[in-house]
C-alpha atoms as a PDB file:
ATOM      1  CA  MET A   1       0.000   0.000   0.000  1.00  0.00           C
ATOM      2  CA  PRO A   2       1.508   3.368  -0.969  1.00  0.00           C
ATOM      3  CA  VAL A   3       2.356   5.929   1.700  1.00  0.00           C
ATOM      4  CA  ILE A   4       1.439   9.589   1.342  1.00  0.00           C
ATOM      5  CA  LYS A   5       3.725  11.943   3.230  1.00  0.00           C
ATOM      6  CA  ILE A   6       1.916  15.217   3.937  1.00  0.00           C
ATOM      7  CA  LEU A   7       4.172  18.185   4.569  1.00  0.00           C
ATOM      8  CA  PRO A   8       3.197  20.474   7.472  1.00  0.00           C
ATOM      9  CA  HIS A   9       0.245  22.830   6.874  1.00  0.00           C
ATOM     10  CA  ALA A  10      -0.813  25.277   9.606  1.00  0.00           C
ATOM     11  CA  GLU A  11      -4.534  24.463   9.366  1.00  0.00           C
ATOM     12  CA  TYR A  12      -4.901  20.902   8.082  1.00  0.00           C
ATOM     13  CA  CYS A  13      -1.843  19.084   9.391  1.00  0.00           C
ATOM     14  CA  PRO A  14       0.411  21.307  11.550  1.00  0.00           C
ATOM     15  CA  SER A  15       3.111  18.699  12.176  1.00  0.00           C
ATOM     16  CA  GLY A  16       2.873  16.888   8.871  1.00  0.00           C
ATOM     17  CA  THR A  17       2.154  13.169   8.824  1.00  0.00           C
ATOM     18  CA  GLU A  18       2.283   9.954   6.827  1.00  0.00           C
ATOM     19  CA  ILE A  19      -0.776   7.937   5.852  1.00  0.00           C
ATOM     20  CA  SER A  20      -1.356   4.775   3.823  1.00  0.00           C
ATOM     21  CA  ALA A  21      -4.031   4.250   1.200  1.00  0.00           C
ATOM     22  CA  PRO A  22      -4.791   1.525  -1.324  1.00  0.00           C
ATOM     23  CA  ALA A  23      -3.617   1.967  -4.898  1.00  0.00           C
ATOM     24  CA  GLY A  24      -6.505   3.289  -6.995  1.00  0.00           C
ATOM     25  CA  THR A  25      -7.543   5.798  -4.318  1.00  0.00           C
ATOM     26  CA  SER A  26      -7.439   9.519  -5.033  1.00  0.00           C
ATOM     27  CA  ILE A  27      -5.152  11.604  -2.843  1.00  0.00           C
ATOM     28  CA  CYS A  28      -8.210  13.605  -1.717  1.00  0.00           C
ATOM     29  CA  GLU A  29     -10.070  10.460  -0.610  1.00  0.00           C
ATOM     30  CA  ALA A  30      -6.988   9.230   1.237  1.00  0.00           C
ATOM     31  CA  LEU A  31      -6.582  12.533   3.072  1.00  0.00           C
ATOM     32  CA  LEU A  32     -10.253  12.677   4.070  1.00  0.00           C
ATOM     33  CA  ASP A  33     -10.312   9.004   5.130  1.00  0.00           C
ATOM     34  CA  ASN A  34      -7.396   9.736   7.461  1.00  0.00           C
ATOM     35  CA  GLY A  35      -8.905  12.804   9.135  1.00  0.00           C
ATOM     36  CA  ILE A  36      -7.121  15.458   7.066  1.00  0.00           C
ATOM     37  CA  LYS A  37     -10.021  17.717   6.137  1.00  0.00           C
ATOM     38  CA  ILE A  38      -8.779  19.201   2.880  1.00  0.00           C
ATOM     39  CA  GLU A  39     -11.309  21.431   1.159  1.00  0.00           C
ATOM     40  CA  HIS A  40     -13.221  19.865  -1.729  1.00  0.00           C
ATOM     41  CA  ALA A  41     -16.035  22.300  -2.541  1.00  0.00           C
ATOM     42  CA  CYS A  42     -17.223  20.442  -5.643  1.00  0.00           C
ATOM     43  CA  ASP A  43     -17.420  17.068  -3.856  1.00  0.00           C
ATOM     44  CA  MET A  44     -14.511  15.705  -5.886  1.00  0.00           C
ATOM     45  CA  SER A  45     -16.155  16.255  -9.290  1.00  0.00           C
ATOM     46  CA  CYS A  46     -13.260  18.206 -10.879  1.00  0.00           C
ATOM     47  CA  ALA A  47     -15.179  21.493 -10.877  1.00  0.00           C
ATOM     48  CA  CYS A  48     -13.088  23.665  -8.519  1.00  0.00           C
ATOM     49  CA  THR A  49      -9.516  24.020  -7.278  1.00  0.00           C
ATOM     50  CA  THR A  50      -9.992  23.804  -3.507  1.00  0.00           C
ATOM     51  CA  CYS A  51      -8.299  20.379  -3.272  1.00  0.00           C
ATOM     52  CA  HIS A  52      -5.169  21.581  -5.117  1.00  0.00           C
ATOM     53  CA  VAL A  53      -1.961  19.966  -3.872  1.00  0.00           C
ATOM     54  CA  ILE A  54       1.657  20.116  -4.960  1.00  0.00           C
ATOM     55  CA  VAL A  55       3.210  16.679  -5.417  1.00  0.00           C
ATOM     56  CA  ARG A  56       6.791  17.105  -4.216  1.00  0.00           C
ATOM     57  CA  GLU A  57       7.777  13.459  -4.802  1.00  0.00           C
ATOM     58  CA  GLY A  58       6.190  10.666  -6.816  1.00  0.00           C
ATOM     59  CA  LEU A  59       4.365  12.765  -9.418  1.00  0.00           C
ATOM     60  CA  ALA A  60       5.276  10.437 -12.284  1.00  0.00           C
ATOM     61  CA  SER A  61       3.614   7.496 -10.516  1.00  0.00           C
ATOM     62  CA  LEU A  62       0.178   9.146 -10.522  1.00  0.00           C
ATOM     63  CA  ASN A  63      -2.308   8.902 -13.371  1.00  0.00           C
ATOM     64  CA  GLU A  64      -1.843  11.526 -16.068  1.00  0.00           C
ATOM     65  CA  ALA A  65      -3.833  14.751 -15.621  1.00  0.00           C
ATOM     66  CA  GLU A  66      -6.671  15.150 -18.097  1.00  0.00           C
ATOM     67  CA  GLU A  67      -7.386  18.392 -19.968  1.00  0.00           C
ATOM     68  CA  GLU A  68     -10.288  19.364 -17.679  1.00  0.00           C
ATOM     69  CA  GLU A  69      -8.035  19.161 -14.618  1.00  0.00           C
ATOM     70  CA  GLU A  70      -5.243  21.096 -16.335  1.00  0.00           C
ATOM     71  CA  ASP A  71      -7.687  23.866 -17.332  1.00  0.00           C
ATOM     72  CA  LEU A  72      -8.845  24.229 -13.727  1.00  0.00           C
ATOM     73  CA  LEU A  73      -5.297  24.161 -12.392  1.00  0.00           C
ATOM     74  CA  ASP A  74      -4.494  27.203 -14.537  1.00  0.00           C
ATOM     75  CA  ARG A  75      -6.696  29.137 -12.086  1.00  0.00           C
ATOM     76  CA  ALA A  76      -5.328  27.625  -8.867  1.00  0.00           C
ATOM     77  CA  TRP A  77      -3.485  29.762  -6.329  1.00  0.00           C
ATOM     78  CA  GLY A  78       0.228  28.949  -6.154  1.00  0.00           C
ATOM     79  CA  LEU A  79       0.293  26.814  -9.298  1.00  0.00           C
ATOM     80  CA  GLU A  80       3.524  24.860  -9.799  1.00  0.00           C
ATOM     81  CA  PRO A  81       4.583  22.313 -12.433  1.00  0.00           C
ATOM     82  CA  GLN A  82       3.908  19.537  -9.885  1.00  0.00           C
ATOM     83  CA  SER A  83       0.384  20.780  -9.062  1.00  0.00           C
ATOM     84  CA  ARG A  84      -2.568  18.376  -9.171  1.00  0.00           C
ATOM     85  CA  LEU A  85      -6.160  18.402  -8.021  1.00  0.00           C
ATOM     86  CA  SER A  86      -6.056  15.804  -5.275  1.00  0.00           C
ATOM     87  CA  CYS A  87      -9.510  14.510  -6.266  1.00  0.00           C
ATOM     88  CA  GLN A  88      -8.127  13.579  -9.701  1.00  0.00           C
ATOM     89  CA  ALA A  89      -4.665  12.310  -8.674  1.00  0.00           C
ATOM     90  CA  ILE A  90      -4.942   8.526  -8.332  1.00  0.00           C
ATOM     91  CA  LEU A  91      -2.351   6.600  -6.339  1.00  0.00           C
ATOM     92  CA  ALA A  92      -0.391   3.755  -7.900  1.00  0.00           C
ATOM     93  CA  GLN A  93       2.017   1.570  -5.885  1.00  0.00           C
ATOM     94  CA  THR A  94       4.604   4.320  -5.331  1.00  0.00           C
ATOM     95  CA  ASP A  95       4.872   6.544  -2.253  1.00  0.00           C
ATOM     96  CA  VAL A  96       4.213  10.250  -2.760  1.00  0.00           C
ATOM     97  CA  THR A  97       4.935  13.456  -0.857  1.00  0.00           C
ATOM     98  CA  VAL A  98       2.363  16.241  -1.057  1.00  0.00           C
ATOM     99  CA  GLU A  99       2.145  19.822   0.071  1.00  0.00           C
ATOM    100  CA  ILE A 100      -1.222  21.475   0.636  1.00  0.00           C
ATOM    101  CA  PRO A 101      -0.902  25.119  -0.476  1.00  0.00           C
ATOM    102  CA  LYS A 102      -1.472  27.844   2.093  1.00  0.00           C
ATOM    103  CA  TYR A 103      -4.442  29.286   0.179  1.00  0.00           C
ATOM    104  CA  THR A 104      -7.154  28.001  -2.145  1.00  0.00           C
ATOM    105  CA  ILE A 105      -9.515  29.649  -4.594  1.00  0.00           C
ATOM    106  CA  ASN A 106     -13.054  28.306  -4.861  1.00  0.00           C
ATOM    107  CA  HIS A 107     -14.222  28.320  -8.492  1.00  0.00           C
ATOM    108  CA  ALA A 108     -17.295  26.159  -7.866  1.00  0.00           C
ATOM    109  CA  LYS A 109     -20.409  27.922  -9.079  1.00  0.00           C
ATOM    110  CA  GLU A 110     -23.850  27.542  -7.566  1.00  0.00           C
ATOM    111  CA  ASN A 111     -26.912  27.383  -9.780  1.00  0.00           C
ATOM    112  CA  HIS A 112     -28.848  30.501  -8.752  1.00  0.00           C
END
């Protein structure tokens, strides 16, 4: 089972931590299942950027980002080449290290 190392984040994980999750699980699901309450305003439907993470190690082991995800990431705060939406980044058998950015931007739109 791959290990996800989460770098320290003042709000979500002040000391940083390591968690395990089965291959085939999204990083977002793994974080939530382990009590790390990362924002996910669109309920993991690839419609916002609140679950944006930066994959510091193991990026190549994740599934390839699709065009829809890449278009949304263009609007994410603190975008880096290793950025992914954690709801779309699916774990393989390789360990990964992720950083949750300090800020997020919510692009989810309500139907009013």
